[in-house]
Amino acid sequence: MKVEFADEARADVARIDAWWRANRSAAPDLFTNELERASLALEDNPALGVPYQPKPGVRRMLLRRTRYHLYFVEEPRRVLVVAVWGANRGRDPSL
């Protein structure tokens, strides 16, 4: 199954990647590498992650090393990532 990113999620990725590269010089590619591995895993198994209770149909998957959550929905022909959000932010994204 194909993994795609909604416009807002794409903007999240760009913002996080820019921050990561500017502030994590010891591992500037860690976020993008972890995101790529997670995307490949979702292609093989769209039921990964856990249901996100406030929004039926939305699942959440933790990128363990970078501490970001992917919020996504499984659709008939794709997995759509709707947000990428810092797990340590203390609040949930508005979806």
N, C-alpha and C. Protein backbone atom coordinates (compact mmCIF):
# COMPACT_ATOMS: atom_id res chain seq x y z
N MET A 1 0.85 -1.17 0.00
CA MET A 1 0.00 0.00 0.00
C MET A 1 0.90 1.24 0.00
N LYS A 2 0.50 2.23 -0.73
CA LYS A 2 1.28 3.46 -0.87
C LYS A 2 1.07 4.38 0.34
N VAL A 3 2.15 4.98 0.83
CA VAL A 3 2.07 5.96 1.91
C VAL A 3 2.21 7.35 1.30
N GLU A 4 1.26 8.22 1.61
CA GLU A 4 1.28 9.59 1.13
C GLU A 4 1.14 10.53 2.32
N PHE A 5 1.58 11.76 2.13
CA PHE A 5 1.52 12.76 3.19
C PHE A 5 0.58 13.88 2.75
N ALA A 6 -0.36 14.21 3.62
CA ALA A 6 -1.23 15.36 3.38
C ALA A 6 -0.37 16.62 3.38
N ASP A 7 -0.88 17.69 2.80
CA ASP A 7 -0.11 18.93 2.72
C ASP A 7 0.38 19.38 4.09
N GLU A 8 -0.48 19.33 5.09
CA GLU A 8 -0.08 19.77 6.44
C GLU A 8 1.03 18.87 7.00
N ALA A 9 0.92 17.57 6.77
CA ALA A 9 1.96 16.65 7.24
C ALA A 9 3.28 16.89 6.50
N ARG A 10 3.20 17.20 5.22
CA ARG A 10 4.40 17.53 4.45
C ARG A 10 5.08 18.78 5.01
N ALA A 11 4.27 19.75 5.40
CA ALA A 11 4.81 20.96 6.02
C ALA A 11 5.43 20.64 7.38
N ASP A 12 4.79 19.75 8.14
CA ASP A 12 5.36 19.31 9.42
C ASP A 12 6.74 18.69 9.20
N VAL A 13 6.83 17.80 8.21
CA VAL A 13 8.10 17.12 7.92
C VAL A 13 9.17 18.13 7.55
N ALA A 14 8.85 19.08 6.71
CA ALA A 14 9.84 20.09 6.30
C ALA A 14 10.32 20.90 7.49
N ARG A 15 9.39 21.33 8.35
CA ARG A 15 9.74 22.12 9.52
C ARG A 15 10.61 21.31 10.50
N ILE A 16 10.20 20.07 10.76
CA ILE A 16 10.95 19.21 11.69
C ILE A 16 12.33 18.89 11.13
N ASP A 17 12.39 18.57 9.85
CA ASP A 17 13.68 18.24 9.23
C ASP A 17 14.63 19.43 9.31
N ALA A 18 14.14 20.63 9.03
CA ALA A 18 14.99 21.83 9.10
C ALA A 18 15.49 22.04 10.52
N TRP A 19 14.60 21.89 11.49
CA TRP A 19 15.01 22.05 12.89
C TRP A 19 16.04 20.99 13.26
N TRP A 20 15.76 19.74 12.86
CA TRP A 20 16.64 18.63 13.22
C TRP A 20 18.05 18.86 12.66
N ARG A 21 18.12 19.25 11.41
CA ARG A 21 19.44 19.47 10.78
C ARG A 21 20.19 20.64 11.42
N ALA A 22 19.46 21.66 11.87
CA ALA A 22 20.10 22.81 12.49
C ALA A 22 20.53 22.55 13.93
N ASN A 23 19.84 21.63 14.61
CA ASN A 23 20.07 21.44 16.04
C ASN A 23 20.62 20.08 16.45
N ARG A 24 20.73 19.17 15.53
CA ARG A 24 21.23 17.82 15.85
C ARG A 24 22.38 17.47 14.90
N SER A 25 23.47 18.20 15.04
CA SER A 25 24.59 18.04 14.10
C SER A 25 25.24 16.66 14.18
N ALA A 26 25.11 15.96 15.30
CA ALA A 26 25.69 14.62 15.41
C ALA A 26 24.91 13.58 14.59
N ALA A 27 23.65 13.87 14.30
CA ALA A 27 22.82 12.92 13.54
C ALA A 27 21.80 13.70 12.70
N PRO A 28 22.27 14.48 11.74
CA PRO A 28 21.34 15.34 10.99
C PRO A 28 20.31 14.58 10.14
N ASP A 29 20.59 13.34 9.78
CA ASP A 29 19.68 12.55 8.94
C ASP A 29 18.78 11.63 9.75
N LEU A 30 18.89 11.65 11.06
CA LEU A 30 18.15 10.69 11.88
C LEU A 30 16.64 10.80 11.67
N PHE A 31 16.10 12.00 11.67
CA PHE A 31 14.65 12.15 11.50
C PHE A 31 14.19 11.61 10.15
N THR A 32 14.85 12.03 9.07
CA THR A 32 14.41 11.57 7.74
C THR A 32 14.61 10.07 7.58
N ASN A 33 15.68 9.53 8.13
CA ASN A 33 15.90 8.08 8.05
C ASN A 33 14.82 7.32 8.81
N GLU A 34 14.48 7.80 10.00
CA GLU A 34 13.46 7.12 10.80
C GLU A 34 12.08 7.25 10.14
N LEU A 35 11.81 8.41 9.56
CA LEU A 35 10.55 8.62 8.85
C LEU A 35 10.45 7.68 7.64
N GLU A 36 11.54 7.52 6.92
CA GLU A 36 11.54 6.63 5.76
C GLU A 36 11.29 5.18 6.18
N ARG A 37 11.95 4.75 7.25
CA ARG A 37 11.74 3.37 7.73
C ARG A 37 10.29 3.17 8.17
N ALA A 38 9.72 4.15 8.85
CA ALA A 38 8.33 4.05 9.28
C ALA A 38 7.39 3.99 8.08
N SER A 39 7.66 4.79 7.06
CA SER A 39 6.83 4.78 5.85
C SER A 39 6.87 3.41 5.17
N LEU A 40 8.05 2.82 5.09
CA LEU A 40 8.19 1.50 4.49
C LEU A 40 7.43 0.46 5.31
N ALA A 41 7.50 0.57 6.63
CA ALA A 41 6.77 -0.37 7.49
C ALA A 41 5.27 -0.23 7.30
N LEU A 42 4.79 1.01 7.16
CA LEU A 42 3.36 1.23 6.93
C LEU A 42 2.90 0.71 5.58
N GLU A 43 3.78 0.77 4.59
CA GLU A 43 3.43 0.20 3.29
C GLU A 43 3.14 -1.29 3.42
N ASP A 44 3.92 -1.97 4.22
CA ASP A 44 3.75 -3.42 4.42
C ASP A 44 2.62 -3.75 5.37
N ASN A 45 2.40 -2.90 6.37
CA ASN A 45 1.40 -3.19 7.39
C ASN A 45 0.73 -1.90 7.86
N PRO A 46 -0.34 -1.48 7.19
CA PRO A 46 -1.00 -0.22 7.55
C PRO A 46 -1.69 -0.25 8.91
N ALA A 47 -1.77 -1.41 9.55
CA ALA A 47 -2.41 -1.50 10.87
C ALA A 47 -1.42 -1.26 12.00
N LEU A 48 -0.20 -0.86 11.67
CA LEU A 48 0.78 -0.56 12.71
C LEU A 48 0.31 0.63 13.52
N GLY A 49 0.94 0.84 14.64
CA GLY A 49 0.56 1.94 15.50
C GLY A 49 -0.63 1.57 16.35
N VAL A 50 -1.16 2.55 17.02
CA VAL A 50 -2.30 2.33 17.91
C VAL A 50 -3.42 3.29 17.54
N PRO A 51 -4.66 2.89 17.80
CA PRO A 51 -5.77 3.82 17.53
C PRO A 51 -5.61 5.09 18.36
N TYR A 52 -5.88 6.20 17.73
CA TYR A 52 -5.83 7.50 18.39
C TYR A 52 -7.26 7.80 18.84
N GLN A 53 -7.52 7.61 20.12
CA GLN A 53 -8.87 7.63 20.67
C GLN A 53 -9.70 8.87 20.35
N PRO A 54 -9.13 10.07 20.39
CA PRO A 54 -9.99 11.23 20.12
C PRO A 54 -10.55 11.28 18.70
N LYS A 55 -9.93 10.57 17.76
CA LYS A 55 -10.38 10.63 16.36
C LYS A 55 -10.53 9.20 15.83
N PRO A 56 -11.74 8.69 15.76
CA PRO A 56 -11.93 7.34 15.22
C PRO A 56 -11.36 7.23 13.81
N GLY A 57 -10.69 6.13 13.55
CA GLY A 57 -10.10 5.88 12.24
C GLY A 57 -8.67 6.36 12.11
N VAL A 58 -8.22 7.19 13.03
CA VAL A 58 -6.85 7.69 13.00
C VAL A 58 -5.99 6.79 13.88
N ARG A 59 -4.80 6.48 13.40
CA ARG A 59 -3.83 5.70 14.17
C ARG A 59 -2.60 6.57 14.41
N ARG A 60 -1.84 6.18 15.42
CA ARG A 60 -0.64 6.93 15.78
C ARG A 60 0.53 5.96 15.92
N MET A 61 1.66 6.34 15.36
CA MET A 61 2.87 5.51 15.40
C MET A 61 4.02 6.37 15.91
N LEU A 62 4.75 5.86 16.89
CA LEU A 62 5.86 6.60 17.47
C LEU A 62 7.15 6.30 16.72
N LEU A 63 7.86 7.37 16.35
CA LEU A 63 9.22 7.25 15.85
C LEU A 63 10.09 7.31 17.11
N ARG A 64 10.55 6.17 17.54
CA ARG A 64 11.15 6.04 18.88
C ARG A 64 12.39 6.89 19.11
N ARG A 65 13.28 6.94 18.16
CA ARG A 65 14.55 7.65 18.40
C ARG A 65 14.39 9.16 18.37
N THR A 66 13.50 9.66 17.51
CA THR A 66 13.33 11.10 17.40
C THR A 66 12.15 11.63 18.23
N ARG A 67 11.31 10.73 18.72
CA ARG A 67 10.19 11.07 19.59
C ARG A 67 9.12 11.91 18.89
N TYR A 68 8.83 11.54 17.65
CA TYR A 68 7.72 12.14 16.92
C TYR A 68 6.67 11.08 16.67
N HIS A 69 5.41 11.51 16.64
CA HIS A 69 4.32 10.62 16.28
C HIS A 69 3.89 10.90 14.84
N LEU A 70 3.60 9.83 14.12
CA LEU A 70 2.92 9.95 12.82
C LEU A 70 1.45 9.67 13.09
N TYR A 71 0.58 10.54 12.64
CA TYR A 71 -0.86 10.33 12.71
C TYR A 71 -1.32 10.02 11.29
N PHE A 72 -2.03 8.90 11.14
CA PHE A 72 -2.37 8.46 9.79
C PHE A 72 -3.70 7.74 9.75
N VAL A 73 -4.26 7.67 8.55
CA VAL A 73 -5.49 6.93 8.31
C VAL A 73 -5.24 5.96 7.15
N GLU A 74 -5.85 4.80 7.28
CA GLU A 74 -5.77 3.82 6.20
C GLU A 74 -6.98 4.03 5.28
N GLU A 75 -6.70 4.24 4.02
CA GLU A 75 -7.75 4.41 3.02
C GLU A 75 -7.68 3.21 2.08
N PRO A 76 -8.64 3.06 1.18
CA PRO A 76 -8.65 1.87 0.32
C PRO A 76 -7.36 1.62 -0.45
N ARG A 77 -6.71 2.66 -0.94
CA ARG A 77 -5.52 2.44 -1.78
C ARG A 77 -4.26 3.10 -1.25
N ARG A 78 -4.35 3.66 -0.06
CA ARG A 78 -3.17 4.33 0.48
C ARG A 78 -3.28 4.48 1.99
N VAL A 79 -2.15 4.79 2.58
CA VAL A 79 -2.08 5.23 3.97
C VAL A 79 -1.77 6.72 3.89
N LEU A 80 -2.61 7.53 4.49
CA LEU A 80 -2.43 8.98 4.44
C LEU A 80 -1.96 9.48 5.80
N VAL A 81 -0.74 10.01 5.83
CA VAL A 81 -0.21 10.63 7.04
C VAL A 81 -0.80 12.04 7.10
N VAL A 82 -1.51 12.33 8.18
CA VAL A 82 -2.18 13.61 8.30
C VAL A 82 -1.43 14.61 9.18
N ALA A 83 -0.52 14.11 10.02
CA ALA A 83 0.26 15.00 10.88
C ALA A 83 1.50 14.28 11.39
N VAL A 84 2.53 15.06 11.66
CA VAL A 84 3.73 14.59 12.34
C VAL A 84 3.90 15.53 13.51
N TRP A 85 3.93 14.97 14.72
CA TRP A 85 3.82 15.81 15.91
C TRP A 85 4.79 15.33 16.98
N GLY A 86 5.45 16.24 17.65
CA GLY A 86 6.37 15.90 18.73
C GLY A 86 5.66 15.22 19.89
N ALA A 87 6.13 14.04 20.26
CA ALA A 87 5.51 13.29 21.36
C ALA A 87 5.69 14.00 22.69
N ASN A 88 6.68 14.86 22.80
CA ASN A 88 6.98 15.54 24.06
C ASN A 88 6.35 16.93 24.15
N ARG A 89 5.47 17.27 23.25
CA ARG A 89 4.92 18.63 23.23
C ARG A 89 3.93 18.91 24.35
N GLY A 90 3.39 17.87 24.96
CA GLY A 90 2.47 18.09 26.07
C GLY A 90 1.03 18.32 25.66
N ARG A 91 0.77 18.30 24.37
CA ARG A 91 -0.61 18.41 23.87
C ARG A 91 -0.68 17.68 22.54
N ASP A 92 -1.88 17.35 22.15
CA ASP A 92 -2.09 16.63 20.90
C ASP A 92 -2.32 17.61 19.75
N PRO A 93 -2.09 17.15 18.53
CA PRO A 93 -2.34 18.03 17.38
C PRO A 93 -3.84 18.20 17.16
N SER A 94 -4.20 19.27 16.52
CA SER A 94 -5.61 19.42 16.14
C SER A 94 -5.75 18.81 14.75
N LEU A 95 -6.49 17.75 14.70
CA LEU A 95 -6.66 17.03 13.43
C LEU A 95 -8.03 17.31 12.84
